[in-house]
Structures are given as structure tokens and as C-alpha cells.
């Protein structure tokens, strides 16, 4: 699954650590999600959408 987390984070000047703290996950989790090595659980995906104030489909898209 592709995602726009790195770009969205950069637009807001948030570090990986700052985002991780908002989501109650480790920085390593954010790194893995950004690199596409880990797909977040549905509750985490909803949490990510909530902190960015965007719908999930504006952040995550399926790989072709």
C-alpha cells in the first residue's frame, strides 16, 4: 500500500517522532509505514487520518 505520510508530515513540519507520539506508536513504526514496509492496522490508519484531518483514502492508496 502506498501512502503520503512523509509528504503530509513535511507539509506540517512534523518529525517522525512528533507524529509517533501523537499516534502512541514508535518512531520505527512511522519509518516502516513511510517506507511501505508495514501496512498499519485499521485503527492506526484511522488515527493517522484523524491527526492529518484527511480521509483515509487521501493518505493511503492500493499498490497497482
N, C-alpha and C. Protein backbone atom coordinates (compact mmCIF):
# COMPACT_ATOMS: atom_id res chain seq x y z
N UNK A 1 0.84 -1.17 0.00
CA UNK A 1 0.00 0.00 0.00
C UNK A 1 0.89 1.24 0.00
N UNK A 2 0.57 2.17 -0.89
CA UNK A 2 1.30 3.44 -0.93
C UNK A 2 0.68 4.40 0.06
N UNK A 3 1.48 5.35 0.51
CA UNK A 3 0.94 6.37 1.41
C UNK A 3 1.67 7.70 1.21
N UNK A 4 1.03 8.75 1.68
CA UNK A 4 1.56 10.11 1.56
C UNK A 4 2.04 10.66 2.90
N UNK A 5 2.28 9.80 3.85
CA UNK A 5 2.58 10.26 5.21
C UNK A 5 3.83 11.15 5.25
N UNK A 6 4.87 10.75 4.58
CA UNK A 6 6.11 11.55 4.61
C UNK A 6 5.86 12.96 4.09
N UNK A 7 5.13 13.06 2.96
CA UNK A 7 4.84 14.38 2.39
C UNK A 7 3.93 15.20 3.30
N UNK A 8 2.91 14.56 3.85
CA UNK A 8 1.98 15.26 4.73
C UNK A 8 2.70 15.74 6.00
N UNK A 9 3.60 14.91 6.50
CA UNK A 9 4.38 15.27 7.68
C UNK A 9 5.27 16.48 7.37
N UNK A 10 5.91 16.45 6.20
CA UNK A 10 6.80 17.55 5.80
C UNK A 10 6.03 18.86 5.65
N UNK A 11 4.82 18.79 5.09
CA UNK A 11 3.99 20.00 4.93
C UNK A 11 3.70 20.65 6.28
N UNK A 12 3.64 19.84 7.32
CA UNK A 12 3.31 20.35 8.65
C UNK A 12 4.55 20.56 9.53
N UNK A 13 5.73 20.28 8.97
CA UNK A 13 6.99 20.39 9.70
C UNK A 13 7.01 19.51 10.95
N UNK A 14 6.42 18.32 10.85
CA UNK A 14 6.42 17.37 11.96
C UNK A 14 7.56 16.38 11.76
N UNK A 15 8.24 16.06 12.81
CA UNK A 15 9.25 15.00 12.76
C UNK A 15 8.54 13.65 12.84
N UNK A 16 9.28 12.60 12.51
CA UNK A 16 8.73 11.25 12.67
C UNK A 16 8.38 11.01 14.13
N UNK A 17 9.23 11.49 15.02
CA UNK A 17 8.99 11.30 16.45
C UNK A 17 7.72 12.02 16.90
N UNK A 18 7.51 13.24 16.42
CA UNK A 18 6.32 14.00 16.80
C UNK A 18 5.05 13.29 16.35
N UNK A 19 5.06 12.76 15.14
CA UNK A 19 3.90 12.03 14.65
C UNK A 19 3.70 10.75 15.46
N UNK A 20 4.78 10.05 15.72
CA UNK A 20 4.70 8.82 16.51
C UNK A 20 4.08 9.08 17.87
N UNK A 21 4.47 10.16 18.51
CA UNK A 21 3.94 10.49 19.83
C UNK A 21 2.44 10.79 19.76
N UNK A 22 2.00 11.48 18.71
CA UNK A 22 0.57 11.76 18.55
C UNK A 22 -0.24 10.48 18.38
N UNK A 23 0.38 9.46 17.78
CA UNK A 23 -0.31 8.21 17.47
C UNK A 23 -0.06 7.12 18.51
N UNK A 24 0.78 7.41 19.49
CA UNK A 24 1.14 6.41 20.51
C UNK A 24 1.80 5.17 19.91
N UNK A 25 2.69 5.40 18.96
CA UNK A 25 3.47 4.31 18.36
C UNK A 25 4.94 4.72 18.40
N UNK A 26 5.81 3.81 18.02
CA UNK A 26 7.24 4.12 18.00
C UNK A 26 7.62 4.85 16.71
N UNK A 27 8.72 5.54 16.77
CA UNK A 27 9.26 6.20 15.58
C UNK A 27 9.56 5.17 14.51
N UNK A 28 10.02 3.99 14.92
CA UNK A 28 10.32 2.92 13.98
C UNK A 28 9.07 2.49 13.21
N UNK A 29 7.92 2.54 13.86
CA UNK A 29 6.66 2.20 13.18
C UNK A 29 6.39 3.21 12.08
N UNK A 30 6.58 4.48 12.37
CA UNK A 30 6.36 5.53 11.36
C UNK A 30 7.32 5.34 10.20
N UNK A 31 8.57 5.06 10.49
CA UNK A 31 9.57 4.83 9.44
C UNK A 31 9.13 3.68 8.55
N UNK A 32 8.71 2.57 9.14
CA UNK A 32 8.31 1.39 8.37
C UNK A 32 7.08 1.68 7.51
N UNK A 33 6.12 2.42 8.05
CA UNK A 33 4.93 2.76 7.27
C UNK A 33 5.31 3.66 6.10
N UNK A 34 6.12 4.68 6.36
CA UNK A 34 6.53 5.60 5.29
C UNK A 34 7.27 4.89 4.18
N UNK A 35 8.08 3.91 4.52
CA UNK A 35 8.85 3.17 3.52
C UNK A 35 8.04 2.07 2.84
N UNK A 36 6.80 1.86 3.29
CA UNK A 36 5.97 0.83 2.69
C UNK A 36 6.32 -0.57 3.14
N UNK A 37 7.09 -0.68 4.23
CA UNK A 37 7.48 -2.00 4.73
C UNK A 37 6.45 -2.56 5.71
N UNK A 38 5.49 -1.71 6.12
CA UNK A 38 4.49 -2.12 7.10
C UNK A 38 3.19 -1.40 6.77
N UNK A 39 2.11 -2.17 6.66
CA UNK A 39 0.79 -1.58 6.48
C UNK A 39 0.16 -1.43 7.86
N UNK A 40 -0.30 -0.25 8.19
CA UNK A 40 -0.87 -0.05 9.53
C UNK A 40 -2.18 -0.81 9.70
N UNK A 41 -2.49 -1.11 10.94
CA UNK A 41 -3.78 -1.71 11.26
C UNK A 41 -4.87 -0.69 10.94
N UNK A 42 -6.09 -1.15 10.84
CA UNK A 42 -7.19 -0.24 10.56
C UNK A 42 -7.33 0.84 11.63
N UNK A 43 -7.28 0.50 12.93
CA UNK A 43 -7.35 1.56 13.94
C UNK A 43 -6.21 2.58 13.81
N UNK A 44 -5.00 2.12 13.48
CA UNK A 44 -3.88 3.05 13.32
C UNK A 44 -4.09 3.91 12.08
N UNK A 45 -4.59 3.33 10.99
CA UNK A 45 -4.86 4.10 9.77
C UNK A 45 -5.89 5.20 10.05
N UNK A 46 -6.93 4.86 10.83
CA UNK A 46 -7.91 5.88 11.21
C UNK A 46 -7.27 6.96 12.07
N UNK A 47 -6.36 6.56 12.96
CA UNK A 47 -5.65 7.54 13.79
C UNK A 47 -4.80 8.47 12.96
N UNK A 48 -4.12 7.91 11.97
CA UNK A 48 -3.30 8.73 11.08
C UNK A 48 -4.18 9.73 10.33
N UNK A 49 -5.30 9.24 9.81
CA UNK A 49 -6.23 10.13 9.10
C UNK A 49 -6.73 11.24 10.02
N UNK A 50 -7.00 10.90 11.27
CA UNK A 50 -7.50 11.88 12.23
C UNK A 50 -6.47 12.97 12.50
N UNK A 51 -5.20 12.59 12.73
CA UNK A 51 -4.19 13.63 13.03
C UNK A 51 -3.91 14.53 11.83
N UNK A 52 -4.05 13.98 10.62
CA UNK A 52 -3.85 14.80 9.42
C UNK A 52 -5.14 15.49 8.97
N UNK A 53 -6.25 15.15 9.63
CA UNK A 53 -7.56 15.73 9.29
C UNK A 53 -7.90 15.51 7.82
N UNK A 54 -7.69 14.28 7.36
CA UNK A 54 -7.97 13.89 5.98
C UNK A 54 -8.67 12.53 5.99
N UNK A 55 -9.41 12.23 4.93
CA UNK A 55 -9.97 10.88 4.83
C UNK A 55 -8.85 9.86 4.57
N UNK A 56 -9.06 8.65 5.00
CA UNK A 56 -8.04 7.61 4.83
C UNK A 56 -7.61 7.49 3.37
N UNK A 57 -8.57 7.54 2.44
CA UNK A 57 -8.23 7.37 1.03
C UNK A 57 -7.41 8.52 0.47
N UNK A 58 -7.31 9.64 1.18
CA UNK A 58 -6.44 10.73 0.76
C UNK A 58 -5.00 10.49 1.21
N UNK A 59 -4.80 9.51 2.08
CA UNK A 59 -3.46 9.20 2.61
C UNK A 59 -2.94 7.89 2.04
N UNK A 60 -3.80 6.90 1.99
CA UNK A 60 -3.40 5.55 1.56
C UNK A 60 -4.05 5.18 0.24
N UNK A 61 -3.26 4.59 -0.66
CA UNK A 61 -3.79 4.09 -1.92
C UNK A 61 -3.23 2.70 -2.17
N UNK A 62 -4.02 1.82 -2.79
CA UNK A 62 -3.52 0.48 -3.04
C UNK A 62 -2.41 0.48 -4.09
N UNK A 63 -1.50 -0.47 -3.98
CA UNK A 63 -0.45 -0.64 -4.98
C UNK A 63 -1.07 -1.24 -6.23
N UNK A 64 -0.60 -0.83 -7.38
CA UNK A 64 -1.13 -1.41 -8.62
C UNK A 64 -0.46 -2.73 -8.93
